């Protein structure tokens, strides 16, 4: 088994590295989407903001006018109340010790991972946070903004 992998797209090398490095530090949106299950959450934004990903988490002057924000499902904290973002649960995929929760938000769809014992049902409203330290920003060319 190899300890480094090459991610290709259309015959071109996108990134080479250890799987954990590609997962945690992708060079571009393609690599971020290719590595990981469930897939990374990606939100398109315009003018430095999105309908839900507004200036609470993104400082618009620091970003180009159009970009993509990504966050891994396991990096999204969930709590019954008090967190700044809301969604409606559409699917709960129980996997024993974990549950994948797919929700509809104002800005699209989102998946988060909860402990399997947490009670959450289809149709209910959930609240969650998108911590700045876990956000990945990508420019219009798909390249990661550092």
C-alpha atoms as a PDB file:
ATOM      1  CA  UNK A   1       0.000   0.000   0.000  1.00  0.00           C
ATOM      2  CA  UNK A   2       1.331   3.430  -0.943  1.00  0.00           C
ATOM      3  CA  UNK A   3       1.759   6.239   1.538  1.00  0.00           C
ATOM      4  CA  UNK A   4       1.322   8.943  -1.134  1.00  0.00           C
ATOM      5  CA  UNK A   5      -1.366   9.319  -3.753  1.00  0.00           C
ATOM      6  CA  UNK A   6      -1.772  11.361  -6.918  1.00  0.00           C
ATOM      7  CA  UNK A   7      -5.115  13.012  -7.630  1.00  0.00           C
ATOM      8  CA  UNK A   8      -5.683  13.362 -11.378  1.00  0.00           C
ATOM      9  CA  UNK A   9      -8.332  15.252 -13.292  1.00  0.00           C
ATOM     10  CA  UNK A  10      -8.497  15.054 -17.065  1.00  0.00           C
ATOM     11  CA  UNK A  11      -4.988  13.624 -17.201  1.00  0.00           C
ATOM     12  CA  UNK A  12      -3.527  16.505 -15.178  1.00  0.00           C
ATOM     13  CA  UNK A  13      -2.042  16.178 -11.693  1.00  0.00           C
ATOM     14  CA  UNK A  14      -4.059  18.215  -9.196  1.00  0.00           C
ATOM     15  CA  UNK A  15      -2.132  17.298  -6.039  1.00  0.00           C
ATOM     16  CA  UNK A  16       0.320  14.704  -4.729  1.00  0.00           C
ATOM     17  CA  UNK A  17       0.669  13.790  -1.069  1.00  0.00           C
ATOM     18  CA  UNK A  18      -0.334  11.663   1.863  1.00  0.00           C
ATOM     19  CA  UNK A  19      -4.086  11.026   2.045  1.00  0.00           C
ATOM     20  CA  UNK A  20      -4.387  12.877   5.367  1.00  0.00           C
ATOM     21  CA  UNK A  21      -2.635  15.926   3.886  1.00  0.00           C
ATOM     22  CA  UNK A  22      -4.891  15.949   0.816  1.00  0.00           C
ATOM     23  CA  UNK A  23      -7.908  15.722   3.111  1.00  0.00           C
ATOM     24  CA  UNK A  24      -6.843  18.432   5.569  1.00  0.00           C
ATOM     25  CA  UNK A  25      -5.022  20.757   3.180  1.00  0.00           C
ATOM     26  CA  UNK A  26      -6.400  20.413  -0.377  1.00  0.00           C
ATOM     27  CA  UNK A  27      -4.849  22.650  -3.017  1.00  0.00           C
ATOM     28  CA  UNK A  28      -8.142  23.166  -4.816  1.00  0.00           C
ATOM     29  CA  UNK A  29     -11.896  22.569  -4.824  1.00  0.00           C
ATOM     30  CA  UNK A  30     -11.573  19.396  -6.935  1.00  0.00           C
ATOM     31  CA  UNK A  31      -9.237  17.688  -4.451  1.00  0.00           C
ATOM     32  CA  UNK A  32     -11.396  18.824  -1.510  1.00  0.00           C
ATOM     33  CA  UNK A  33     -14.453  17.257  -3.194  1.00  0.00           C
ATOM     34  CA  UNK A  34     -12.656  14.108  -4.319  1.00  0.00           C
ATOM     35  CA  UNK A  35     -11.241  13.117  -0.909  1.00  0.00           C
ATOM     36  CA  UNK A  36     -13.594  12.307   1.966  1.00  0.00           C
ATOM     37  CA  UNK A  37     -16.860  10.598   2.738  1.00  0.00           C
ATOM     38  CA  UNK A  38     -19.317  12.068   3.177  1.00  0.00           C
ATOM     39  CA  UNK A  39     -18.213  14.785   0.780  1.00  0.00           C
ATOM     40  CA  UNK A  40     -17.186  18.254   1.876  1.00  0.00           C
ATOM     41  CA  UNK A  41     -19.946  20.862   2.066  1.00  0.00           C
ATOM     42  CA  UNK A  42     -19.405  23.562  -0.565  1.00  0.00           C
ATOM     43  CA  UNK A  43     -21.264  26.871  -0.675  1.00  0.00           C
ATOM     44  CA  UNK A  44     -21.090  29.304  -3.595  1.00  0.00           C
ATOM     45  CA  UNK A  45     -20.898  32.919  -2.523  1.00  0.00           C
ATOM     46  CA  UNK A  46     -21.181  36.190  -4.409  1.00  0.00           C
ATOM     47  CA  UNK A  47     -19.856  39.619  -3.490  1.00  0.00           C
ATOM     48  CA  UNK A  48     -18.026  38.070  -0.540  1.00  0.00           C
ATOM     49  CA  UNK A  49     -21.172  36.687   1.040  1.00  0.00           C
ATOM     50  CA  UNK A  50     -23.918  34.126   0.647  1.00  0.00           C
ATOM     51  CA  UNK A  51     -27.487  34.170   1.855  1.00  0.00           C
ATOM     52  CA  UNK A  52     -26.529  32.234   4.960  1.00  0.00           C
ATOM     53  CA  UNK A  53     -22.750  32.520   5.023  1.00  0.00           C
ATOM     54  CA  UNK A  54     -22.791  36.232   5.614  1.00  0.00           C
ATOM     55  CA  UNK A  55     -20.479  38.590   7.458  1.00  0.00           C
ATOM     56  CA  UNK A  56     -20.960  36.611  10.670  1.00  0.00           C
ATOM     57  CA  UNK A  57     -18.233  34.283   9.431  1.00  0.00           C
ATOM     58  CA  UNK A  58     -16.767  35.844   6.306  1.00  0.00           C
ATOM     59  CA  UNK A  59     -15.050  39.213   6.155  1.00  0.00           C
ATOM     60  CA  UNK A  60     -16.149  40.297   2.682  1.00  0.00           C
ATOM     61  CA  UNK A  61     -13.258  42.728   2.047  1.00  0.00           C
ATOM     62  CA  UNK A  62     -10.763  39.859   2.410  1.00  0.00           C
ATOM     63  CA  UNK A  63     -12.316  37.727  -0.333  1.00  0.00           C
ATOM     64  CA  UNK A  64     -12.776  38.050  -4.088  1.00  0.00           C
ATOM     65  CA  UNK A  65     -16.230  38.901  -5.360  1.00  0.00           C
ATOM     66  CA  UNK A  66     -17.070  35.270  -6.151  1.00  0.00           C
ATOM     67  CA  UNK A  67     -15.700  32.225  -4.375  1.00  0.00           C
ATOM     68  CA  UNK A  68     -16.599  28.917  -2.744  1.00  0.00           C
ATOM     69  CA  UNK A  69     -16.502  28.143   0.966  1.00  0.00           C
ATOM     70  CA  UNK A  70     -16.016  24.529   2.077  1.00  0.00           C
ATOM     71  CA  UNK A  71     -16.326  22.792   5.429  1.00  0.00           C
ATOM     72  CA  UNK A  72     -16.006  19.096   6.280  1.00  0.00           C
ATOM     73  CA  UNK A  73     -19.102  17.449   7.808  1.00  0.00           C
ATOM     74  CA  UNK A  74     -17.285  16.474  11.026  1.00  0.00           C
ATOM     75  CA  UNK A  75     -16.239  20.114  11.573  1.00  0.00           C
ATOM     76  CA  UNK A  76     -19.808  21.381  11.956  1.00  0.00           C
ATOM     77  CA  UNK A  77     -20.881  21.536  15.605  1.00  0.00           C
ATOM     78  CA  UNK A  78     -24.554  20.889  16.254  1.00  0.00           C
ATOM     79  CA  UNK A  79     -26.562  21.851  19.304  1.00  0.00           C
ATOM     80  CA  UNK A  80     -30.304  21.948  20.023  1.00  0.00           C
ATOM     81  CA  UNK A  81     -30.409  25.765  20.288  1.00  0.00           C
ATOM     82  CA  UNK A  82     -28.267  28.840  20.272  1.00  0.00           C
ATOM     83  CA  UNK A  83     -26.035  28.376  17.236  1.00  0.00           C
ATOM     84  CA  UNK A  84     -26.225  30.915  14.415  1.00  0.00           C
ATOM     85  CA  UNK A  85     -27.305  28.791  11.419  1.00  0.00           C
ATOM     86  CA  UNK A  86     -30.458  26.769  10.829  1.00  0.00           C
ATOM     87  CA  UNK A  87     -31.491  23.924   8.607  1.00  0.00           C
ATOM     88  CA  UNK A  88     -34.288  21.426   8.159  1.00  0.00           C
ATOM     89  CA  UNK A  89     -33.377  17.742   8.395  1.00  0.00           C
ATOM     90  CA  UNK A  90     -34.130  15.870   5.164  1.00  0.00           C
ATOM     91  CA  UNK A  91     -32.328  12.544   5.740  1.00  0.00           C
ATOM     92  CA  UNK A  92     -30.829  10.817   8.771  1.00  0.00           C
ATOM     93  CA  UNK A  93     -28.463   7.973   7.936  1.00  0.00           C
ATOM     94  CA  UNK A  94     -27.803   6.054  11.156  1.00  0.00           C
ATOM     95  CA  UNK A  95     -24.555   4.089  11.141  1.00  0.00           C
ATOM     96  CA  UNK A  96     -24.475   2.863  14.725  1.00  0.00           C
ATOM     97  CA  UNK A  97     -22.048   5.098  16.619  1.00  0.00           C
ATOM     98  CA  UNK A  98     -22.484   7.905  14.034  1.00  0.00           C
ATOM     99  CA  UNK A  99     -25.334   9.479  12.105  1.00  0.00           C
ATOM    100  CA  UNK A 100     -24.998  11.447   8.881  1.00  0.00           C
ATOM    101  CA  UNK A 101     -27.573  14.226   8.929  1.00  0.00           C
ATOM    102  CA  UNK A 102     -28.466  15.844   5.611  1.00  0.00           C
ATOM    103  CA  UNK A 103     -30.188  19.209   5.988  1.00  0.00           C
ATOM    104  CA  UNK A 104     -31.591  21.914   3.735  1.00  0.00           C
ATOM    105  CA  UNK A 105     -30.397  25.432   4.597  1.00  0.00           C
ATOM    106  CA  UNK A 106     -31.020  28.859   3.119  1.00  0.00           C
ATOM    107  CA  UNK A 107     -27.855  28.442   1.079  1.00  0.00           C
ATOM    108  CA  UNK A 108     -28.325  24.871  -0.147  1.00  0.00           C
ATOM    109  CA  UNK A 109     -27.779  21.437   1.306  1.00  0.00           C
ATOM    110  CA  UNK A 110     -25.423  20.492   4.095  1.00  0.00           C
ATOM    111  CA  UNK A 111     -24.299  17.247   5.717  1.00  0.00           C
ATOM    112  CA  UNK A 112     -23.037  16.994   9.269  1.00  0.00           C
ATOM    113  CA  UNK A 113     -21.989  14.057  11.429  1.00  0.00           C
ATOM    114  CA  UNK A 114     -23.540  13.502  14.850  1.00  0.00           C
ATOM    115  CA  UNK A 115     -23.127  10.894  17.543  1.00  0.00           C
ATOM    116  CA  UNK A 116     -25.451   8.005  16.769  1.00  0.00           C
ATOM    117  CA  UNK A 117     -27.246   8.405  20.101  1.00  0.00           C
ATOM    118  CA  UNK A 118     -28.312  12.003  19.372  1.00  0.00           C
ATOM    119  CA  UNK A 119     -31.991  12.255  18.609  1.00  0.00           C
ATOM    120  CA  UNK A 120     -32.746  13.992  15.340  1.00  0.00           C
ATOM    121  CA  UNK A 121     -35.665  13.359  13.003  1.00  0.00           C
ATOM    122  CA  UNK A 122     -36.606  14.141   9.429  1.00  0.00           C
ATOM    123  CA  UNK A 123     -38.476  17.433   9.219  1.00  0.00           C
ATOM    124  CA  UNK A 124     -37.103  18.921  12.407  1.00  0.00           C
ATOM    125  CA  UNK A 125     -35.137  22.137  12.546  1.00  0.00           C
ATOM    126  CA  UNK A 126     -31.482  21.927  13.578  1.00  0.00           C
ATOM    127  CA  UNK A 127     -28.971  24.606  14.459  1.00  0.00           C
ATOM    128  CA  UNK A 128     -25.276  24.435  13.745  1.00  0.00           C
ATOM    129  CA  UNK A 129     -22.144  26.529  13.571  1.00  0.00           C
ATOM    130  CA  UNK A 130     -19.518  26.987  10.842  1.00  0.00           C
ATOM    131  CA  UNK A 131     -16.295  27.704  12.757  1.00  0.00           C
ATOM    132  CA  UNK A 132     -13.946  30.021  10.849  1.00  0.00           C
ATOM    133  CA  UNK A 133     -10.922  27.886  11.681  1.00  0.00           C
ATOM    134  CA  UNK A 134     -12.437  24.958   9.732  1.00  0.00           C
ATOM    135  CA  UNK A 135     -13.523  26.877   6.621  1.00  0.00           C
ATOM    136  CA  UNK A 136     -11.679  26.336   3.341  1.00  0.00           C
ATOM    137  CA  UNK A 137     -11.910  29.185   0.815  1.00  0.00           C
ATOM    138  CA  UNK A 138     -11.576  28.651  -2.933  1.00  0.00           C
ATOM    139  CA  UNK A 139     -11.292  31.307  -5.640  1.00  0.00           C
ATOM    140  CA  UNK A 140     -13.210  31.441  -8.910  1.00  0.00           C
ATOM    141  CA  UNK A 141     -10.465  29.339 -10.525  1.00  0.00           C
ATOM    142  CA  UNK A 142     -11.034  26.604  -7.917  1.00  0.00           C
ATOM    143  CA  UNK A 143      -7.658  27.156  -6.270  1.00  0.00           C
ATOM    144  CA  UNK A 144      -7.448  27.353  -2.499  1.00  0.00           C
ATOM    145  CA  UNK A 145      -7.143  30.833  -0.999  1.00  0.00           C
ATOM    146  CA  UNK A 146      -4.608  30.723   1.836  1.00  0.00           C
END
